[in-house]
C-alpha cells in the first residue's frame, strides 16, 4: 500500500480527491503553518504544528505522536509505568512510550481566526500498523453511533454550556520561572461582571469586549452559536448552540472550548470551563445536553408524539414523549449512576450537586423542571420535543459524555424499560441519589455492566485509571482548594 491512510482502510478515491482539493486550498490560502489537533481523554486538544508542505503530506501518510499522550491525567502525569515490564498490561501497543500516528480529516480544515496564518485539522490516533486505537474517545462515540444506527436512529444534540471569563490582571504567577510547578499557579484575575443579575443587559454591556471575542471566534470557526448570555454567577456566561447530529456537536464543543480560551487569552482574558472556579461566592457551571433520536431515513424527531397517550396525565412520560422517547428516558435513569463520571469527570464538578441550585441530586425526571436530573422539554405536537440531561459539567469530554447517553438510552429502548412518574419536588428526600464524589462515581461506572459492555472494557479501565490518578493526588493534597486551582482553573 502506498499511503498510511490506505493501511488504515479509510483512503479511497473520494478521500484522495478531498486531499488534493485541500492541498490546493492550503497553498492558495497563504497559511504558514497547520496545527494537527486531536482530542485527549479529558476533551482537551493536543497536537503538532506542521509546515504547509508537511501538513499536505500528513493527509495521506499521517504524522507520529508519542503514545503516552493518551495516558495522561488532568495534571499531565502519565498514569501508567510505561518503562516497566507489565506496566501497560491491558494496553497493548503503549509500552516504552511507543509511537502512534495521527491521521487528519481533510474535511475539517479551518483557518484559525485568532492566530494569523494558521490552519487547523482534526486528527485521530492510529497504531503504526493501521489498527484503530480503541481508547480514542472520538472513536468511542463513532462506535456508539454505529451501534445506534442499527436500530434505524441517529442522535441529535444541542449544546448549552456555562463557563466563566475573567480579565487577567497579572500573568506572573503563571509565567514566573521561580514559581514553576507541576501543575503551576494560574494568573491573577478579576471579574468581567459582578453577577447576581441574570441576563441583565447592563451586565452584557459591561462584559461586551470578551463576549464579542467569543462571538466572533465561534462564528469564524463556523460554529452554530445561537445566543451568548450573562449567567447568574459572578463573571459567568452561557453559550447556546443550534442542535445538530451528535458527532458534529461533540466536535464543535471541542473546537469551541479550545478556540475561545486561546482567543480570549490573546486579548488579556482567561476563560475557564472548570465547574467551580476557586473563589468564594461563585456559581457552578453546568453543561446541559439536549438530546433526541431522529429517524435516519426521514429525519423525523422520534421523541415527538402527535397527541398525549390516551388516559395519560402530565406526570406520565407518554403524555409528552413517544414510546421510543419514554424507553430512552428510562434507560438514562437506569444507568444514571454509572454515566455520572463520564458527564462530570472532575473532583471539582461534584460540588455542583447541591439542593435548590439548578443542579441535580436525585435520579429522577420532570416535565420542564430545571431541578430534575432529566428535564423533558416540549409537548405533544411539538417537533422539538427532547430530553435535557443536567448532570454534565463543562469540562467533560463531549465524546464520552454523548457515548454514555447512547448506551444508556439504547438499553432502555431495546429492553422496553419504563420510567417512574415525573417529579414536582426534585430535591425531596428519600429518592435514589447520584454519586456525590468521583470515587463513588467511578465505582458505579465499573459496576454498570451495560455501560462497560457498550463502551468497551478497555475504554472503561483506561478512563478509570486516569481519573483514579487525579483522585489519588487530590486525596493526598493538604490544601484541596490549591489543588483544584492548579489542576483545573487555567488548564480546563
Protein backbone atom coordinates (compact mmCIF):
# COMPACT_ATOMS: atom_id res chain seq x y z
CA UNK A 1 0.00 0.00 0.00
CA UNK A 2 1.29 3.42 -0.91
CA UNK A 3 -0.16 5.55 1.90
CA UNK A 4 -0.60 5.09 5.64
CA UNK A 5 -4.25 6.14 5.23
CA UNK A 6 -4.76 3.13 2.93
CA UNK A 7 -3.28 0.86 5.60
CA UNK A 8 -5.95 2.24 7.96
CA UNK A 9 -8.65 1.32 5.46
CA UNK A 10 -10.03 4.86 5.17
CA UNK A 11 -8.44 6.15 1.96
CA UNK A 12 -10.47 5.78 -1.19
CA UNK A 13 -10.96 7.80 -4.37
CA UNK A 14 -13.28 10.24 -2.60
CA UNK A 15 -10.78 10.90 0.20
CA UNK A 16 -7.95 11.24 -2.31
CA UNK A 17 -9.94 13.90 -4.15
CA UNK A 18 -10.58 15.69 -0.84
CA UNK A 19 -6.84 15.62 -0.06
CA UNK A 20 -5.99 17.07 -3.45
CA UNK A 21 -8.60 19.80 -3.04
CA UNK A 22 -7.34 20.69 0.44
CA UNK A 23 -3.75 20.84 -0.80
CA UNK A 24 -4.84 23.48 -3.30
CA UNK A 25 -6.72 25.38 -0.57
CA UNK A 26 -3.73 25.36 1.77
CA UNK A 27 -1.39 26.54 -0.95
CA UNK A 28 -3.80 29.28 -2.06
CA UNK A 29 -4.67 30.46 1.47
CA UNK A 30 -1.18 31.57 2.34
CA UNK A 31 -1.21 29.81 5.72
CA UNK A 32 2.27 29.46 7.16
CA UNK A 33 1.56 26.53 9.46
CA UNK A 34 -1.12 23.96 10.17
CA UNK A 35 -1.96 22.67 13.62
CA UNK A 36 -2.82 18.98 13.73
CA UNK A 37 -5.23 18.69 16.68
CA UNK A 38 -6.68 15.62 18.38
CA UNK A 39 -8.86 15.26 21.48
CA UNK A 40 -7.45 13.55 24.57
CA UNK A 41 -9.33 11.64 27.26
CA UNK A 42 -10.22 14.91 29.03
CA UNK A 43 -11.71 16.61 25.98
CA UNK A 44 -8.65 18.83 25.51
CA UNK A 45 -6.99 19.43 22.15
CA UNK A 46 -3.37 18.37 21.76
CA UNK A 47 -1.31 18.14 18.61
CA UNK A 48 1.59 19.23 16.46
CA UNK A 49 2.23 22.20 14.22
CA UNK A 50 3.42 21.37 10.72
CA UNK A 51 4.60 23.49 7.86
CA UNK A 52 2.20 23.53 4.90
CA UNK A 53 4.11 21.00 2.77
CA UNK A 54 4.38 18.60 5.72
CA UNK A 55 0.68 19.02 6.55
CA UNK A 56 -0.25 18.13 2.96
CA UNK A 57 1.94 15.02 3.17
CA UNK A 58 0.37 14.08 6.52
CA UNK A 59 -3.08 13.97 4.91
CA UNK A 60 -2.09 10.61 3.43
CA UNK A 61 0.91 9.49 5.47
CA UNK A 62 -0.04 10.73 8.94
CA UNK A 63 2.35 12.16 11.48
CA UNK A 64 3.87 10.47 14.52
CA UNK A 65 2.96 11.24 18.13
CA UNK A 66 4.18 9.88 21.47
CA UNK A 67 1.74 7.24 22.69
CA UNK A 68 1.90 8.42 26.31
CA UNK A 69 -0.11 11.47 25.27
CA UNK A 70 -3.16 9.22 25.58
CA UNK A 71 -2.22 8.13 29.11
CA UNK A 72 -2.15 11.49 30.89
CA UNK A 73 -4.23 12.54 33.88
CA UNK A 74 -5.54 16.08 34.39
CA UNK A 75 -2.12 17.30 35.55
CA UNK A 76 -0.39 15.76 32.51
CA UNK A 77 1.17 12.95 34.53
CA UNK A 78 1.39 9.56 32.84
CA UNK A 79 -0.87 7.18 34.77
CA UNK A 80 0.94 4.00 33.60
CA UNK A 81 4.53 2.86 34.19
CA UNK A 82 5.35 2.60 30.51
CA UNK A 83 9.03 1.80 31.07
CA UNK A 84 8.44 -1.17 33.40
CA UNK A 85 7.74 -4.75 32.37
CA UNK A 86 3.99 -5.30 32.56
CA UNK A 87 3.41 -1.61 33.19
CA UNK A 88 0.98 -1.33 30.29
CA UNK A 89 -0.73 -4.70 30.61
CA UNK A 90 -4.20 -4.28 29.22
CA UNK A 91 -2.99 -1.56 26.85
CA UNK A 92 -1.07 -3.36 24.10
CA UNK A 93 0.90 -1.03 21.88
CA UNK A 94 1.72 1.56 24.56
CA UNK A 95 4.79 0.15 26.31
CA UNK A 96 8.04 2.09 26.17
CA UNK A 97 6.30 5.34 25.16
CA UNK A 98 6.00 3.92 21.66
CA UNK A 99 4.71 5.91 18.71
CA UNK A 100 1.19 6.32 17.43
CA UNK A 101 0.16 8.03 14.20
CA UNK A 102 -2.19 10.98 13.75
CA UNK A 103 -4.27 10.96 10.59
CA UNK A 104 -6.09 14.19 9.66
CA UNK A 105 -9.61 14.55 8.32
CA UNK A 106 -9.29 16.70 5.18
CA UNK A 107 -12.88 17.93 5.59
CA UNK A 108 -12.08 19.50 8.97
CA UNK A 109 -9.69 22.24 7.79
CA UNK A 110 -10.29 25.75 9.13
CA UNK A 111 -8.16 28.87 9.32
CA UNK A 112 -7.93 29.94 12.96
CA UNK A 113 -9.30 33.49 13.31
CA UNK A 114 -7.14 34.40 16.31
CA UNK A 115 -3.80 33.06 15.00
CA UNK A 116 -2.60 34.77 11.82
CA UNK A 117 -1.54 32.45 9.03
CA UNK A 118 -2.54 29.32 10.96
CA UNK A 119 -4.70 26.48 9.72
CA UNK A 120 -6.11 23.60 11.76
CA UNK A 121 -7.03 19.99 11.04
CA UNK A 122 -8.81 17.49 13.27
CA UNK A 123 -6.93 14.21 13.64
CA UNK A 124 -7.44 10.81 15.20
CA UNK A 125 -4.76 8.44 16.50
CA UNK A 126 -3.93 5.08 14.89
CA UNK A 127 -1.38 2.39 15.60
CA UNK A 128 1.52 2.34 13.10
CA UNK A 129 0.22 -0.91 11.60
CA UNK A 130 -3.08 0.79 10.71
CA UNK A 131 -5.19 -0.53 13.58
CA UNK A 132 -7.58 1.95 15.21
CA UNK A 133 -6.83 2.99 18.80
CA UNK A 134 -9.68 1.60 20.86
CA UNK A 135 -9.37 4.15 23.68
CA UNK A 136 -9.59 7.16 21.35
CA UNK A 137 -12.63 8.98 22.75
CA UNK A 138 -13.86 10.20 19.37
CA UNK A 139 -13.81 6.62 18.12
CA UNK A 140 -15.83 5.60 21.20
CA UNK A 141 -18.62 7.94 20.10
CA UNK A 142 -18.35 6.86 16.48
CA UNK A 143 -18.82 3.23 17.51
CA UNK A 144 -21.73 4.12 19.81
CA UNK A 145 -23.44 5.93 16.94
CA UNK A 146 -22.84 2.94 14.66
CA UNK A 147 -24.49 0.68 17.23
CA UNK A 148 -27.42 3.07 17.50
CA UNK A 149 -27.63 3.27 13.71
CA UNK A 150 -28.50 -0.44 13.50
CA UNK A 151 -31.85 0.44 15.12
CA UNK A 152 -32.54 3.00 12.40
CA UNK A 153 -31.96 6.00 14.65
CA UNK A 154 -29.40 8.76 14.94
CA UNK A 155 -28.84 11.09 17.87
CA UNK A 156 -29.40 14.84 17.68
CA UNK A 157 -27.93 17.00 20.43
CA UNK A 158 -27.91 20.66 21.40
CA UNK A 159 -25.18 22.30 23.44
CA UNK A 160 -25.99 24.65 26.33
CA UNK A 161 -22.71 25.47 28.06
CA UNK A 162 -21.96 27.68 31.05
CA UNK A 163 -18.44 28.90 31.75
CA UNK A 164 -16.54 31.76 33.37
CA UNK A 165 -14.48 34.56 31.81
CA UNK A 166 -12.03 36.68 33.82
CA UNK A 167 -9.75 39.58 32.97
CA UNK A 168 -6.08 38.79 33.63
CA UNK A 169 -4.52 41.37 35.93
CA UNK A 170 -1.16 39.71 36.49
CA UNK A 171 0.23 36.83 34.46
CA UNK A 172 3.38 36.49 36.55
CA UNK A 173 2.11 33.77 38.94
CA UNK A 174 1.74 31.51 35.92
CA UNK A 175 4.79 32.66 33.96
CA UNK A 176 7.38 33.44 36.66
CA UNK A 177 10.06 30.71 36.36
CA UNK A 178 10.66 30.90 40.09
CA UNK A 179 7.07 29.74 40.67
CA UNK A 180 7.03 26.95 38.10
CA UNK A 181 5.43 23.75 39.42
CA UNK A 182 3.62 20.69 38.17
CA UNK A 183 0.89 21.92 37.77
CA UNK A 184 1.67 25.59 38.32
CA UNK A 185 -0.35 28.53 39.52
CA UNK A 186 -2.87 30.27 37.25
CA UNK A 187 -2.66 34.03 36.54
CA UNK A 188 -4.25 36.60 38.84
CA UNK A 189 -7.65 37.71 37.56
CA UNK A 190 -10.64 39.97 38.14
CA UNK A 191 -14.26 39.52 37.10
CA UNK A 192 -15.80 40.86 33.90
CA UNK A 193 -19.17 41.38 35.62
CA UNK A 194 -20.29 41.20 39.27
CA UNK A 195 -23.06 38.67 38.72
CA UNK A 196 -26.33 38.00 40.55
CA UNK A 197 -28.25 39.86 37.85
CA UNK A 198 -29.32 37.12 35.46
CA UNK A 199 -29.33 38.10 31.77
CA UNK A 200 -29.13 41.77 32.71
CA UNK A 201 -28.45 43.96 29.70
CA UNK A 202 -26.20 46.19 31.82
CA UNK A 203 -24.03 43.20 32.66
CA UNK A 204 -23.82 42.27 28.99
CA UNK A 205 -22.64 45.77 28.18
CA UNK A 206 -20.04 45.65 30.96
CA UNK A 207 -18.70 42.38 29.52
CA UNK A 208 -19.06 43.44 25.90
CA UNK A 209 -15.41 43.13 24.82
CA UNK A 210 -14.86 39.49 25.86
CA UNK A 211 -18.34 38.49 24.69
CA UNK A 212 -17.60 39.99 21.27
CA UNK A 213 -14.42 37.90 21.11
CA UNK A 214 -16.34 34.72 21.97
CA UNK A 215 -18.99 35.52 19.37
CA UNK A 216 -16.52 36.39 16.62
CA UNK A 217 -14.40 33.33 17.33
CA UNK A 218 -17.34 30.92 17.24
CA UNK A 219 -18.74 32.41 14.05
CA UNK A 220 -15.37 32.46 12.29
CA UNK A 221 -14.94 28.77 13.13
CA UNK A 222 -18.32 28.03 11.56
CA UNK A 223 -19.94 27.05 14.84
CA UNK A 224 -23.74 27.49 15.06
CA UNK A 225 -23.80 29.86 18.04
CA UNK A 226 -27.39 30.76 18.83
CA UNK A 227 -27.04 33.00 21.88
CA UNK A 228 -24.49 34.32 24.36
CA UNK A 229 -25.91 35.33 27.72
CA UNK A 230 -25.00 36.58 31.16
CA UNK A 231 -25.46 33.79 33.69
CA UNK A 232 -26.30 34.27 37.37
CA UNK A 233 -22.84 33.85 38.86
CA UNK A 234 -20.10 36.48 39.01
CA UNK A 235 -18.17 36.51 35.71
CA UNK A 236 -20.29 33.60 34.43
CA UNK A 237 -21.72 33.38 30.90
CA UNK A 238 -23.63 30.83 28.84
CA UNK A 239 -23.37 29.86 25.18
CA UNK A 240 -26.20 28.04 23.39
CA UNK A 241 -25.80 26.35 20.01
CA UNK A 242 -28.22 25.10 17.37
CA UNK A 243 -28.85 21.37 17.61
CA UNK A 244 -27.10 19.03 15.19
CA UNK A 245 -26.03 15.39 14.94
CA UNK A 246 -24.13 14.14 17.97
CA UNK A 247 -20.68 13.67 16.39
CA UNK A 248 -20.75 17.14 14.85
CA UNK A 249 -21.90 18.65 18.16
CA UNK A 250 -19.08 16.91 20.03
CA UNK A 251 -16.54 18.18 17.51
CA UNK A 252 -18.00 21.67 17.87
CA UNK A 253 -17.73 21.57 21.66
CA UNK A 254 -14.04 20.65 21.50
CA UNK A 255 -13.32 23.38 18.96
CA UNK A 256 -15.36 25.99 20.83
CA UNK A 257 -13.64 25.47 24.18
CA UNK A 258 -10.21 25.46 22.60
CA UNK A 259 -10.89 28.48 20.40
CA UNK A 260 -12.43 30.83 22.93
CA UNK A 261 -9.76 30.08 25.53
CA UNK A 262 -6.97 30.90 23.08
CA UNK A 263 -8.64 33.93 21.50
CA UNK A 264 -9.54 35.42 24.89
CA UNK A 265 -6.07 34.81 26.31
CA UNK A 266 -4.51 36.82 23.47
CA UNK A 267 -6.77 39.72 24.44
CA UNK A 268 -5.88 39.51 28.13
CA UNK A 269 -8.76 37.34 29.36
CA UNK A 270 -8.96 33.86 30.84
CA UNK A 271 -11.87 31.58 30.02
CA UNK A 272 -12.30 28.54 32.24
CA UNK A 273 -14.62 25.58 31.84
CA UNK A 274 -13.83 24.46 35.38
CA UNK A 275 -17.16 23.80 37.07
CA UNK A 276 -16.49 25.80 40.24
CA UNK A 277 -13.62 28.32 39.97
CA UNK A 278 -11.58 28.63 43.20
CA UNK A 279 -13.23 31.76 44.58
CA UNK A 280 -15.89 32.43 47.21
CA UNK A 281 -19.45 33.21 46.15
CA UNK A 282 -19.24 31.72 42.68
CA UNK A 283 -21.97 29.77 40.91
CA UNK A 284 -21.28 26.34 39.45
CA UNK A 285 -21.24 25.93 35.67
CA UNK A 286 -23.14 23.11 34.02
CA UNK A 287 -23.26 21.60 30.57
CA UNK A 288 -26.88 20.72 29.80
CA UNK A 289 -27.10 18.22 26.97
CA UNK A 290 -30.34 18.31 24.96
CA UNK A 291 -30.94 15.09 23.05
CA UNK A 292 -33.46 13.40 20.82
CA UNK A 293 -33.49 10.44 18.49
CA UNK A 294 -34.08 11.04 14.81
CA UNK A 295 -35.26 8.55 12.23
CA UNK A 296 -32.32 8.19 9.87
CA UNK A 297 -34.49 7.72 6.78
CA UNK A 298 -36.93 10.57 7.33
CA UNK A 299 -35.08 12.86 9.75
CA UNK A 300 -38.22 12.96 11.92
CA UNK A 301 -37.87 13.53 15.65
CA UNK A 302 -38.55 10.08 17.12
CA UNK A 303 -39.26 11.54 20.58
CA UNK A 304 -42.21 13.63 19.38
CA UNK A 305 -45.77 12.38 19.59
CA UNK A 306 -48.82 13.96 17.92
CA UNK A 307 -51.07 13.83 21.00
CA UNK A 308 -50.84 12.72 24.63
CA UNK A 309 -51.30 9.00 25.16
CA UNK A 310 -54.88 8.09 25.94
CA UNK A 311 -55.59 8.29 29.67
CA UNK A 312 -52.20 9.87 30.47
CA UNK A 313 -51.55 12.89 32.67
CA UNK A 314 -48.59 15.31 32.73
CA UNK A 315 -46.70 13.09 35.19
CA UNK A 316 -46.66 10.27 32.63
CA UNK A 317 -43.78 10.21 30.17
CA UNK A 318 -46.13 9.31 27.32
CA UNK A 319 -48.08 12.49 27.89
CA UNK A 320 -45.12 14.19 26.14
CA UNK A 321 -42.76 11.57 24.72
CA UNK A 322 -43.23 8.87 22.12
CA UNK A 323 -42.77 5.24 23.12
CA UNK A 324 -39.15 5.42 21.93
CA UNK A 325 -38.57 8.58 23.95
CA UNK A 326 -40.17 7.02 27.01
CA UNK A 327 -37.89 3.98 26.85
CA UNK A 328 -34.85 6.18 26.21
CA UNK A 329 -35.73 8.29 29.27
CA UNK A 330 -35.99 5.13 31.37
CA UNK A 331 -32.59 3.94 30.14
CA UNK A 332 -30.95 7.22 31.13
CA UNK A 333 -32.45 6.90 34.60
CA UNK A 334 -31.45 3.24 34.95
CA UNK A 335 -27.82 4.00 34.19
CA UNK A 336 -27.59 7.42 35.80
CA UNK A 337 -25.06 6.45 38.46
CA UNK A 338 -22.77 4.70 36.01
CA UNK A 339 -22.84 7.52 33.46
CA UNK A 340 -22.16 10.23 36.06
CA UNK A 341 -18.31 10.22 35.87
CA UNK A 342 -18.47 10.49 32.09
CA UNK A 343 -20.71 13.57 32.42
CA UNK A 344 -18.96 15.06 35.47
CA UNK A 345 -15.38 13.76 35.35
CA UNK A 346 -13.52 16.06 37.78
CA UNK A 347 -13.25 16.15 41.56
CA UNK A 348 -14.30 19.79 41.37
CA UNK A 349 -17.50 19.09 39.43
CA UNK A 350 -19.21 17.11 42.18
CA UNK A 351 -19.54 20.18 44.40
CA UNK A 352 -22.19 21.33 41.91
CA UNK A 353 -24.71 18.71 43.05
CA UNK A 354 -26.44 20.79 45.71
CA UNK A 355 -30.12 21.18 46.55
CA UNK A 356 -32.07 24.08 45.03
CA UNK A 357 -29.09 25.06 42.89
CA UNK A 358 -30.48 24.26 39.43
CA UNK A 359 -28.30 21.14 39.51
CA UNK A 360 -29.48 17.58 40.12
CA UNK A 361 -29.05 15.45 43.22
CA UNK A 362 -31.60 12.72 42.72
CA UNK A 363 -32.16 10.23 39.91
CA UNK A 364 -35.50 11.39 38.54
CA UNK A 365 -37.11 13.34 35.75
CA UNK A 366 -39.53 16.21 35.48
CA UNK A 367 -41.69 17.96 32.92
CA UNK A 368 -39.78 21.20 32.19
CA UNK A 369 -38.28 21.09 35.71
CA UNK A 370 -34.76 22.50 35.97
CA UNK A 371 -34.11 20.88 39.34
CA UNK A 372 -34.53 17.37 37.93
CA UNK A 373 -31.71 15.28 36.57
CA UNK A 374 -33.61 14.83 33.31
CA UNK A 375 -35.85 17.63 32.08
CA UNK A 376 -38.38 16.75 29.39
CA UNK A 377 -38.86 19.78 27.15
CA UNK A 378 -41.73 20.22 24.71
CA UNK A 379 -45.13 18.62 24.48
CA UNK A 380 -47.43 16.61 22.28
CA UNK A 381 -47.45 18.09 18.78
CA UNK A 382 -44.08 19.81 19.30
CA UNK A 383 -41.48 18.64 16.80
CA UNK A 384 -38.68 19.91 19.03
CA UNK A 385 -39.57 17.66 21.99
CA UNK A 386 -36.40 16.46 23.69
CA UNK A 387 -34.74 15.31 26.90
CA UNK A 388 -32.25 17.57 28.66
CA UNK A 389 -29.63 15.83 30.80
CA UNK A 390 -28.47 18.25 33.52
CA UNK A 391 -25.74 16.09 35.09
CA UNK A 392 -22.86 17.36 32.99
CA UNK A 393 -20.10 19.83 33.77
CA UNK A 394 -18.50 21.95 31.02
CA UNK A 395 -15.09 20.27 31.40
CA UNK A 396 -16.46 16.87 30.30
CA UNK A 397 -15.10 15.06 27.27
CA UNK A 398 -18.00 15.50 24.83
CA UNK A 399 -17.39 12.21 23.02
CA UNK A 400 -17.56 10.17 26.23
CA UNK A 401 -20.49 12.23 27.56
CA UNK A 402 -22.55 11.58 24.44
CA UNK A 403 -21.49 7.94 24.12
CA UNK A 404 -22.73 7.33 27.66
CA UNK A 405 -26.15 8.72 26.69
CA UNK A 406 -26.36 6.40 23.70
CA UNK A 407 -25.51 3.20 25.56
CA UNK A 408 -27.80 4.05 28.49
CA UNK A 409 -30.72 5.21 26.35
CA UNK A 410 -30.33 2.35 23.89
CA UNK A 411 -30.53 -0.18 26.74
CA UNK A 412 -33.86 1.35 27.73
CA UNK A 413 -35.03 1.25 24.12
CA UNK A 414 -34.03 -2.37 23.49
CA UNK A 415 -35.40 -3.66 26.80
CA UNK A 416 -38.54 -1.54 26.72
CA UNK A 417 -37.80 -0.02 30.13
CA UNK A 418 -40.47 2.18 31.70
CA UNK A 419 -39.73 5.33 33.75
CA UNK A 420 -41.46 6.28 37.00
CA UNK A 421 -43.81 9.26 37.19
CA UNK A 422 -42.36 12.75 36.81
CA UNK A 423 -41.38 14.64 39.93
CA UNK A 424 -42.53 18.04 41.08
CA UNK A 425 -40.11 18.00 44.05
CA UNK A 426 -36.66 17.23 42.61
CA UNK A 427 -34.83 17.81 45.90
CA UNK A 428 -37.16 15.82 48.15
CA UNK A 429 -35.52 13.30 50.47
CA UNK A 430 -35.95 9.57 50.07
CA UNK A 431 -35.05 9.49 46.36
CA UNK A 432 -32.26 7.50 44.71
CA UNK A 433 -29.16 9.70 44.75
CA UNK A 434 -26.50 10.42 42.17
CA UNK A 435 -22.93 9.76 43.34
CA UNK A 436 -21.67 12.80 45.25
CA UNK A 437 -17.94 12.22 44.69
CA UNK A 438 -15.67 11.00 41.92
CA UNK A 439 -14.61 7.81 43.69
CA UNK A 440 -18.17 6.55 44.12
CA UNK A 441 -18.98 7.57 40.56
CA UNK A 442 -16.07 5.56 39.15
CA UNK A 443 -17.17 2.54 41.18
CA UNK A 444 -20.71 2.95 39.82
CA UNK A 445 -19.38 3.00 36.25
CA UNK A 446 -17.40 -0.19 36.82
CA UNK A 447 -20.49 -1.85 38.31
CA UNK A 448 -22.70 -0.95 35.32
CA UNK A 449 -22.36 -3.99 33.08
CA UNK A 450 -24.32 -2.36 30.25
CA UNK A 451 -22.10 0.70 30.06
CA UNK A 452 -18.93 -1.37 30.37
CA UNK A 453 -20.05 -3.64 27.55
CA UNK A 454 -21.16 -0.73 25.37
CA UNK A 455 -18.12 1.47 25.86
CA UNK A 456 -15.71 -1.47 26.00
CA UNK A 457 -13.80 -2.89 28.95
CA UNK A 458 -10.53 -1.34 27.73
CA UNK A 459 -12.12 2.10 27.41
CA UNK A 460 -13.63 1.96 30.90
CA UNK A 461 -10.43 0.71 32.52
CA UNK A 462 -8.39 3.40 30.75
CA UNK A 463 -10.79 6.11 31.89
CA UNK A 464 -10.95 4.83 35.46
CA UNK A 465 -7.16 4.63 35.80
CA UNK A 466 -6.64 8.17 34.53
CA UNK A 467 -9.34 9.52 36.84
CA UNK A 468 -8.06 7.47 39.80
CA UNK A 469 -4.66 9.13 39.37
CA UNK A 470 -6.34 12.52 39.67
CA UNK A 471 -8.42 11.35 42.63
CA UNK A 472 -5.41 9.91 44.49
CA UNK A 473 -3.46 13.14 44.14
CA UNK A 474 -6.46 15.12 45.38
CA UNK A 475 -6.75 12.81 48.39
CA UNK A 476 -3.06 13.35 49.21
CA UNK A 477 -3.22 17.14 48.77
CA UNK A 478 -3.07 19.06 52.05
CA UNK A 479 -4.75 22.11 50.53
CA UNK A 480 -7.70 20.92 48.42
CA UNK A 481 -8.56 24.41 47.12
CA UNK A 482 -4.99 24.96 45.97
CA UNK A 483 -5.05 21.55 44.27
CA UNK A 484 -8.17 22.47 42.29
CA UNK A 485 -6.84 25.95 41.48
CA UNK A 486 -3.68 24.47 39.96
CA UNK A 487 -5.31 21.40 38.43
CA UNK A 488 -8.25 22.93 36.62
CA UNK A 489 -8.65 26.72 36.68
CA UNK A 490 -6.41 27.83 33.83
CA UNK A 491 -5.93 24.38 32.30
CA UNK A 492 -9.55 23.42 31.57
